[in-house]
């Protein structure tokens, strides 16, 4: 079986956590908490750490098993398979809807005349290419793309400083702490998306002595790094546009790219940033394609490659159904808040709690 290194695990975790969140984060948090929205990012992301550690705590007891298989062993065959079926449906549908955002973003920015059919063909080719080459190649792809995305975000943050408006961040906590806490809840589904990928990734993680400790540190580093990047994006959007305009802009970071000037000669570099975002987009969509396939293999023991073609076809069909803009954003928000967040929290807590309860019964 393929294995990824602890370093690849940390980068892959950070890449999936970041995904496409750096584009809507400013709009998300300012919509609830206004100018204090940037404070909500870190608390929202921190929710992913205890759930990641709960899953890791079960690795020594169930070696070479992913969480889907552990769930079936702990909860029993039928309940475990039922949770696994829900996992397949959620990850497949969310990945398909998320893929629609790529076409929407490309036609809004650098390729307004892009054919939907061409985009679907490129999308299916990329996710099938990454899947057929395995999780190790996917890990290398993340190692190549994620540092570029990180440096691009930092570069935008530095180059946009001359456009900052004075006083947009003040008064701090002018409306109290409650809006910040509510905004943190809106961010909480993002780390839960990563937990759904981690569920299937377990069986591909390294098993050498000391690796588990390194991977636990890797989750902390990944969460804190991504929380820092998204907080930075929210800060510069608020500081540049003000909280009311930042709330309105779905893809605020791309708008910032249009505003950047380098020595008054290089302008409109949003096309470069859009291409960088496309790399992050393929990581997030590819991760959920992997997750859906891991679920099919674990729950139904179906390992034929034809099932990957079926999932890819679903992605293409969903891309034809959904149009663009607000419809996609609303659907992603619905899946995040009403499917991914409650399902992941309930599932992980239930499996972890039942396993602890059974262990205590055996020790008596």
Protein backbone atom coordinates (compact mmCIF):
# COMPACT_ATOMS: atom_id res chain seq x y z
CA UNK A 1 0.00 0.00 0.00
CA UNK A 2 1.13 3.53 -0.77
CA UNK A 3 2.42 5.66 2.09
CA UNK A 4 3.05 9.37 2.33
CA UNK A 5 5.75 10.91 4.51
CA UNK A 6 5.05 12.98 7.60
CA UNK A 7 6.16 16.09 5.70
CA UNK A 8 3.78 15.30 2.83
CA UNK A 9 1.03 14.75 5.38
CA UNK A 10 1.54 18.20 6.90
CA UNK A 11 1.62 19.95 3.51
CA UNK A 12 -1.36 17.96 2.21
CA UNK A 13 -3.30 18.80 5.38
CA UNK A 14 -2.53 22.50 5.04
CA UNK A 15 -3.35 22.47 1.31
CA UNK A 16 -6.74 20.80 1.85
CA UNK A 17 -7.52 23.05 4.82
CA UNK A 18 -6.69 26.17 2.82
CA UNK A 19 -8.30 24.91 -0.38
CA UNK A 20 -10.36 27.73 -1.82
CA UNK A 21 -11.20 29.36 1.52
CA UNK A 22 -8.85 32.31 1.00
CA UNK A 23 -11.19 33.75 -1.66
CA UNK A 24 -14.51 33.99 0.26
CA UNK A 25 -13.09 34.32 3.79
CA UNK A 26 -13.32 38.12 3.86
CA UNK A 27 -16.94 38.10 2.74
CA UNK A 28 -17.83 35.28 5.15
CA UNK A 29 -16.50 36.81 8.34
CA UNK A 30 -17.37 40.46 7.67
CA UNK A 31 -20.93 39.44 6.83
CA UNK A 32 -21.41 38.40 10.46
CA UNK A 33 -18.82 40.27 12.52
CA UNK A 34 -18.13 43.37 10.43
CA UNK A 35 -14.72 44.96 10.94
CA UNK A 36 -13.93 42.44 13.72
CA UNK A 37 -14.43 39.48 11.39
CA UNK A 38 -10.71 38.78 11.08
CA UNK A 39 -10.70 37.73 14.75
CA UNK A 40 -13.13 34.89 14.03
CA UNK A 41 -10.88 32.90 11.69
CA UNK A 42 -8.49 31.36 14.22
CA UNK A 43 -11.16 30.15 16.72
CA UNK A 44 -13.13 28.59 13.85
CA UNK A 45 -10.13 26.67 12.53
CA UNK A 46 -9.01 25.50 15.97
CA UNK A 47 -12.08 23.25 16.08
CA UNK A 48 -10.32 20.90 13.68
CA UNK A 49 -7.45 20.11 16.07
CA UNK A 50 -9.32 18.11 18.78
CA UNK A 51 -11.21 16.12 16.15
CA UNK A 52 -7.97 15.32 14.33
CA UNK A 53 -6.37 14.21 17.60
CA UNK A 54 -9.40 12.03 18.44
CA UNK A 55 -8.97 10.20 15.14
CA UNK A 56 -5.23 9.83 15.67
CA UNK A 57 -5.76 8.42 19.15
CA UNK A 58 -7.40 5.37 17.55
CA UNK A 59 -4.53 4.56 15.16
CA UNK A 60 -2.48 2.39 17.60
CA UNK A 61 -5.54 0.25 18.40
CA UNK A 62 -6.60 -0.15 14.74
CA UNK A 63 -3.40 -0.24 12.64
CA UNK A 64 -3.68 -0.02 8.84
CA UNK A 65 -7.38 0.87 9.08
CA UNK A 66 -9.03 4.07 7.95
CA UNK A 67 -11.76 5.69 10.03
CA UNK A 68 -14.51 4.22 7.88
CA UNK A 69 -13.29 0.72 8.71
CA UNK A 70 -12.78 1.65 12.37
CA UNK A 71 -16.33 3.01 12.47
CA UNK A 72 -17.73 -0.30 11.24
CA UNK A 73 -15.69 -2.25 13.81
CA UNK A 74 -16.77 0.01 16.69
CA UNK A 75 -20.41 0.70 15.80
CA UNK A 76 -21.24 -2.61 14.21
CA UNK A 77 -21.69 -3.63 10.60
CA UNK A 78 -24.99 -1.98 9.72
CA UNK A 79 -24.63 1.29 11.61
CA UNK A 80 -21.03 1.59 10.45
CA UNK A 81 -22.02 1.02 6.81
CA UNK A 82 -24.86 3.51 7.19
CA UNK A 83 -22.45 6.20 8.36
CA UNK A 84 -20.09 5.20 5.55
CA UNK A 85 -22.87 5.60 2.97
CA UNK A 86 -23.63 9.09 4.27
CA UNK A 87 -19.91 9.86 4.04
CA UNK A 88 -19.83 8.80 0.37
CA UNK A 89 -22.89 10.86 -0.51
CA UNK A 90 -21.68 14.00 1.28
CA UNK A 91 -18.09 13.93 0.00
CA UNK A 92 -19.11 13.15 -3.58
CA UNK A 93 -21.82 15.78 -3.76
CA UNK A 94 -19.72 18.44 -2.01
CA UNK A 95 -16.74 17.79 -4.29
CA UNK A 96 -19.01 18.05 -7.34
CA UNK A 97 -20.62 21.31 -6.21
CA UNK A 98 -17.23 22.74 -5.22
CA UNK A 99 -15.93 21.96 -8.72
CA UNK A 100 -18.63 24.28 -10.13
CA UNK A 101 -16.91 27.18 -8.38
CA UNK A 102 -13.89 26.76 -10.63
CA UNK A 103 -15.87 27.50 -13.79
CA UNK A 104 -17.59 30.43 -12.09
CA UNK A 105 -14.30 31.99 -10.99
CA UNK A 106 -12.56 31.48 -14.36
CA UNK A 107 -15.40 33.05 -16.35
CA UNK A 108 -15.57 35.99 -13.95
CA UNK A 109 -11.86 36.78 -14.20
CA UNK A 110 -9.45 35.68 -16.92
CA UNK A 111 -11.54 33.55 -19.32
CA UNK A 112 -15.07 35.00 -19.68
CA UNK A 113 -15.72 33.04 -22.90
CA UNK A 114 -14.59 29.68 -21.50
CA UNK A 115 -16.85 26.85 -22.64
CA UNK A 116 -18.45 24.89 -19.81
CA UNK A 117 -17.83 21.66 -21.72
CA UNK A 118 -14.12 22.39 -22.10
CA UNK A 119 -13.87 23.14 -18.40
CA UNK A 120 -15.64 19.89 -17.48
CA UNK A 121 -13.27 17.87 -19.70
CA UNK A 122 -10.20 19.52 -18.12
CA UNK A 123 -11.65 19.00 -14.64
CA UNK A 124 -12.36 15.30 -15.20
CA UNK A 125 -8.94 14.77 -16.77
CA UNK A 126 -7.13 16.41 -13.83
CA UNK A 127 -8.96 14.59 -11.05
CA UNK A 128 -8.69 11.23 -12.80
CA UNK A 129 -4.98 11.85 -13.48
CA UNK A 130 -4.32 12.62 -9.81
CA UNK A 131 -6.42 9.68 -8.64
CA UNK A 132 -4.91 7.06 -10.98
CA UNK A 133 -1.39 8.14 -10.02
CA UNK A 134 -2.13 7.62 -6.34
CA UNK A 135 -2.00 9.49 -3.07
CA UNK A 136 1.79 9.83 -3.14
CA UNK A 137 1.68 11.77 -6.41
CA UNK A 138 -1.19 13.82 -5.01
CA UNK A 139 1.01 14.60 -1.99
CA UNK A 140 3.82 15.75 -4.29
CA UNK A 141 1.35 17.89 -6.21
CA UNK A 142 0.39 19.57 -2.92
CA UNK A 143 4.07 20.07 -2.07
CA UNK A 144 4.50 21.93 -5.33
CA UNK A 145 1.34 24.03 -5.33
CA UNK A 146 0.81 24.96 -1.67
CA UNK A 147 4.06 26.97 -1.20
CA UNK A 148 3.22 28.97 -4.34
CA UNK A 149 -0.27 29.72 -3.04
CA UNK A 150 1.18 30.76 0.34
CA UNK A 151 3.79 33.07 -1.20
CA UNK A 152 1.16 34.58 -3.50
CA UNK A 153 -1.12 35.46 -0.58
CA UNK A 154 1.79 37.03 1.31
CA UNK A 155 2.89 38.91 -1.84
CA UNK A 156 -0.60 40.35 -2.35
CA UNK A 157 -0.67 41.40 1.32
CA UNK A 158 2.60 43.33 0.94
CA UNK A 159 1.90 44.93 -2.45
CA UNK A 160 -1.58 46.13 -1.47
CA UNK A 161 -0.35 48.11 1.57
CA UNK A 162 -0.34 51.46 -0.32
CA UNK A 163 -4.09 50.98 -0.89
CA UNK A 164 -4.91 50.64 2.80
CA UNK A 165 -7.55 52.98 4.24
CA UNK A 166 -6.84 54.42 7.66
CA UNK A 167 -9.00 53.49 10.62
CA UNK A 168 -11.04 50.69 8.99
CA UNK A 169 -10.16 48.23 11.79
CA UNK A 170 -11.34 50.51 14.60
CA UNK A 171 -13.03 50.43 17.01
CA UNK A 172 -12.01 46.88 17.87
CA UNK A 173 -14.90 44.84 19.31
CA UNK A 174 -17.15 47.84 18.83
CA UNK A 175 -20.18 45.53 18.71
CA UNK A 176 -18.95 43.17 21.42
CA UNK A 177 -17.67 39.59 21.28
CA UNK A 178 -20.92 37.92 20.22
CA UNK A 179 -20.64 38.69 16.47
CA UNK A 180 -17.07 37.32 16.48
CA UNK A 181 -18.22 34.06 18.06
CA UNK A 182 -21.04 33.78 15.53
CA UNK A 183 -18.59 34.35 12.69
CA UNK A 184 -16.34 31.62 14.12
CA UNK A 185 -19.26 29.21 13.78
CA UNK A 186 -19.51 30.10 10.09
CA UNK A 187 -15.80 29.25 9.67
CA UNK A 188 -16.03 25.97 11.64
CA UNK A 189 -17.19 23.82 8.68
CA UNK A 190 -13.89 24.44 6.86
CA UNK A 191 -11.72 22.36 9.24
CA UNK A 192 -14.51 19.75 9.27
CA UNK A 193 -14.08 19.42 5.49
CA UNK A 194 -10.47 18.48 6.16
CA UNK A 195 -11.53 15.95 8.82
CA UNK A 196 -13.66 14.19 6.19
CA UNK A 197 -10.56 13.80 4.01
CA UNK A 198 -8.46 12.66 6.98
CA UNK A 199 -11.04 9.93 7.66
CA UNK A 200 -10.03 8.11 4.48
CA UNK A 201 -6.39 9.17 4.50
CA UNK A 202 -5.54 7.24 7.70
CA UNK A 203 -4.58 4.01 5.96
CA UNK A 204 -1.98 5.83 3.81
CA UNK A 205 -0.13 7.46 6.70
CA UNK A 206 3.38 6.37 7.79
CA UNK A 207 3.64 3.82 10.60
CA UNK A 208 7.26 4.09 11.75
CA UNK A 209 8.15 4.78 15.37
CA UNK A 210 7.66 8.45 16.17
CA UNK A 211 5.58 9.17 13.06
CA UNK A 212 2.33 9.51 15.01
CA UNK A 213 3.84 12.18 17.23
CA UNK A 214 5.10 14.05 14.17
CA UNK A 215 1.69 13.89 12.50
CA UNK A 216 -0.03 15.26 15.60
CA UNK A 217 2.37 18.20 15.45
CA UNK A 218 1.65 18.41 11.73
CA UNK A 219 -2.06 18.98 12.36
CA UNK A 220 -1.27 21.83 14.76
CA UNK A 221 1.11 23.42 12.26
CA UNK A 222 -1.27 23.03 9.33
CA UNK A 223 -4.25 24.52 11.20
CA UNK A 224 -2.27 27.45 12.59
CA UNK A 225 -0.61 28.21 9.24
CA UNK A 226 -3.90 28.18 7.33
CA UNK A 227 -5.65 30.19 10.05
CA UNK A 228 -2.85 32.78 9.79
CA UNK A 229 -3.18 32.99 5.98
CA UNK A 230 -6.97 33.35 6.04
CA UNK A 231 -6.77 35.89 8.87
CA UNK A 232 -4.25 37.85 6.81
CA UNK A 233 -6.57 37.84 3.80
CA UNK A 234 -9.53 38.99 5.91
CA UNK A 235 -7.41 41.76 7.45
CA UNK A 236 -6.18 43.20 4.16
CA UNK A 237 -9.66 43.09 2.63
CA UNK A 238 -11.16 44.97 5.58
CA UNK A 239 -8.26 47.42 5.63
CA UNK A 240 -8.53 48.04 1.87
CA UNK A 241 -12.27 47.96 1.14
CA UNK A 242 -13.78 48.55 4.55
CA UNK A 243 -16.14 46.03 6.21
CA UNK A 244 -19.23 46.90 4.15
CA UNK A 245 -17.56 46.55 0.75
CA UNK A 246 -15.59 43.45 1.84
CA UNK A 247 -18.90 41.81 2.77
CA UNK A 248 -20.19 42.33 -0.78
CA UNK A 249 -17.16 40.94 -2.65
CA UNK A 250 -17.32 37.16 -3.16
CA UNK A 251 -13.80 36.98 -4.61
CA UNK A 252 -12.18 39.88 -2.78
CA UNK A 253 -8.62 38.63 -3.22
CA UNK A 254 -8.95 38.71 -7.01
CA UNK A 255 -10.25 42.28 -6.81
CA UNK A 256 -7.15 43.14 -4.78
CA UNK A 257 -5.05 41.65 -7.59
CA UNK A 258 -6.59 44.11 -10.05
CA UNK A 259 -5.62 46.99 -7.76
CA UNK A 260 -1.94 46.07 -7.40
CA UNK A 261 0.64 48.21 -9.15
CA UNK A 262 4.38 47.49 -9.27
CA UNK A 263 6.42 50.64 -9.92
CA UNK A 264 3.42 51.99 -11.90
CA UNK A 265 4.34 49.72 -14.80
CA UNK A 266 2.90 46.29 -13.92
CA UNK A 267 -0.82 46.27 -13.19
CA UNK A 268 -3.76 43.89 -13.33
CA UNK A 269 -1.89 40.82 -12.09
CA UNK A 270 -5.17 39.14 -11.06
CA UNK A 271 -4.72 36.66 -13.92
CA UNK A 272 -1.61 35.25 -12.23
CA UNK A 273 -3.42 35.00 -8.92
CA UNK A 274 -6.38 33.31 -10.60
CA UNK A 275 -4.10 30.63 -12.06
CA UNK A 276 -2.51 30.09 -8.64
CA UNK A 277 -5.99 29.74 -7.16
CA UNK A 278 -6.76 27.14 -9.83
CA UNK A 279 -3.98 24.95 -8.40
CA UNK A 280 -5.52 25.20 -4.92
CA UNK A 281 -8.90 24.45 -6.47
CA UNK A 282 -7.68 21.17 -7.99
CA UNK A 283 -6.21 20.15 -4.62
CA UNK A 284 -9.52 20.65 -2.79
CA UNK A 285 -11.68 19.03 -5.47
CA UNK A 286 -9.16 16.20 -5.91
CA UNK A 287 -9.11 15.54 -2.16
CA UNK A 288 -12.88 15.07 -2.09
CA UNK A 289 -12.73 12.86 -5.16
CA UNK A 290 -10.22 10.68 -3.30
CA UNK A 291 -12.50 10.74 -0.23
CA UNK A 292 -15.51 9.55 -2.20
CA UNK A 293 -13.51 6.71 -3.74
CA UNK A 294 -12.04 5.70 -0.36
CA UNK A 295 -15.58 5.50 0.95
CA UNK A 296 -16.72 3.24 -1.90
CA UNK A 297 -13.74 0.93 -1.40
CA UNK A 298 -14.11 0.75 2.38
CA UNK A 299 -17.89 0.42 2.65
CA UNK A 300 -18.76 -1.65 -0.41
CA UNK A 301 -15.35 -3.26 -1.14
CA UNK A 302 -15.59 -2.05 -4.76
CA UNK A 303 -12.08 -1.48 -6.11
CA UNK A 304 -12.70 -1.41 -9.86
CA UNK A 305 -11.47 1.72 -11.64
CA UNK A 306 -14.84 2.01 -13.38
CA UNK A 307 -16.27 3.50 -10.19
CA UNK A 308 -13.88 6.42 -10.50
CA UNK A 309 -15.40 7.09 -13.93
CA UNK A 310 -18.87 7.03 -12.35
CA UNK A 311 -17.84 9.61 -9.72
CA UNK A 312 -16.17 11.73 -12.41
CA UNK A 313 -19.39 11.59 -14.45
CA UNK A 314 -21.34 12.83 -11.42
CA UNK A 315 -18.95 15.78 -11.18
CA UNK A 316 -19.61 16.58 -14.83
CA UNK A 317 -23.40 16.33 -14.50
CA UNK A 318 -23.47 18.59 -11.42
CA UNK A 319 -21.38 21.14 -13.34
CA UNK A 320 -24.03 21.18 -16.05
CA UNK A 321 -26.88 21.61 -13.56
CA UNK A 322 -25.51 24.48 -11.47
CA UNK A 323 -25.07 27.79 -13.21
CA UNK A 324 -22.83 30.28 -11.45
CA UNK A 325 -22.42 32.91 -8.79
CA UNK A 326 -24.75 33.09 -5.81
CA UNK A 327 -26.40 29.73 -6.54
CA UNK A 328 -23.08 27.90 -6.09
CA UNK A 329 -22.05 29.87 -3.01
CA UNK A 330 -25.42 29.23 -1.37
CA UNK A 331 -25.27 25.50 -2.09
CA UNK A 332 -21.72 25.22 -0.72
CA UNK A 333 -22.79 27.09 2.41
CA UNK A 334 -25.81 24.81 2.84
CA UNK A 335 -23.68 21.64 2.57
CA UNK A 336 -21.07 23.06 4.96
CA UNK A 337 -23.48 24.19 7.66
CA UNK A 338 -26.20 21.55 7.51
CA UNK A 339 -24.39 18.43 6.32
CA UNK A 340 -20.62 18.48 6.82
CA UNK A 341 -20.42 20.21 10.20
CA UNK A 342 -23.14 18.26 12.08
CA UNK A 343 -22.35 14.93 10.40
CA UNK A 344 -18.60 15.09 11.06
CA UNK A 345 -18.93 16.28 14.65
CA UNK A 346 -21.55 13.63 15.48
CA UNK A 347 -19.75 10.78 13.69
CA UNK A 348 -16.28 11.33 15.12
CA UNK A 349 -17.55 11.95 18.65
CA UNK A 350 -19.79 8.87 18.49
CA UNK A 351 -17.08 6.49 17.24
CA UNK A 352 -14.46 7.88 19.62
CA UNK A 353 -16.86 7.83 22.59
CA UNK A 354 -18.18 4.30 21.94
CA UNK A 355 -14.64 3.00 21.53
CA UNK A 356 -13.60 4.54 24.86
CA UNK A 357 -16.70 3.10 26.53
CA UNK A 358 -15.99 -0.38 25.19
CA UNK A 359 -12.36 -0.16 26.30
CA UNK A 360 -13.43 0.73 29.85
CA UNK A 361 -15.86 -2.20 29.94
CA UNK A 362 -13.09 -4.59 28.90
CA UNK A 363 -10.68 -3.23 31.51
CA UNK A 364 -13.08 -3.92 34.38
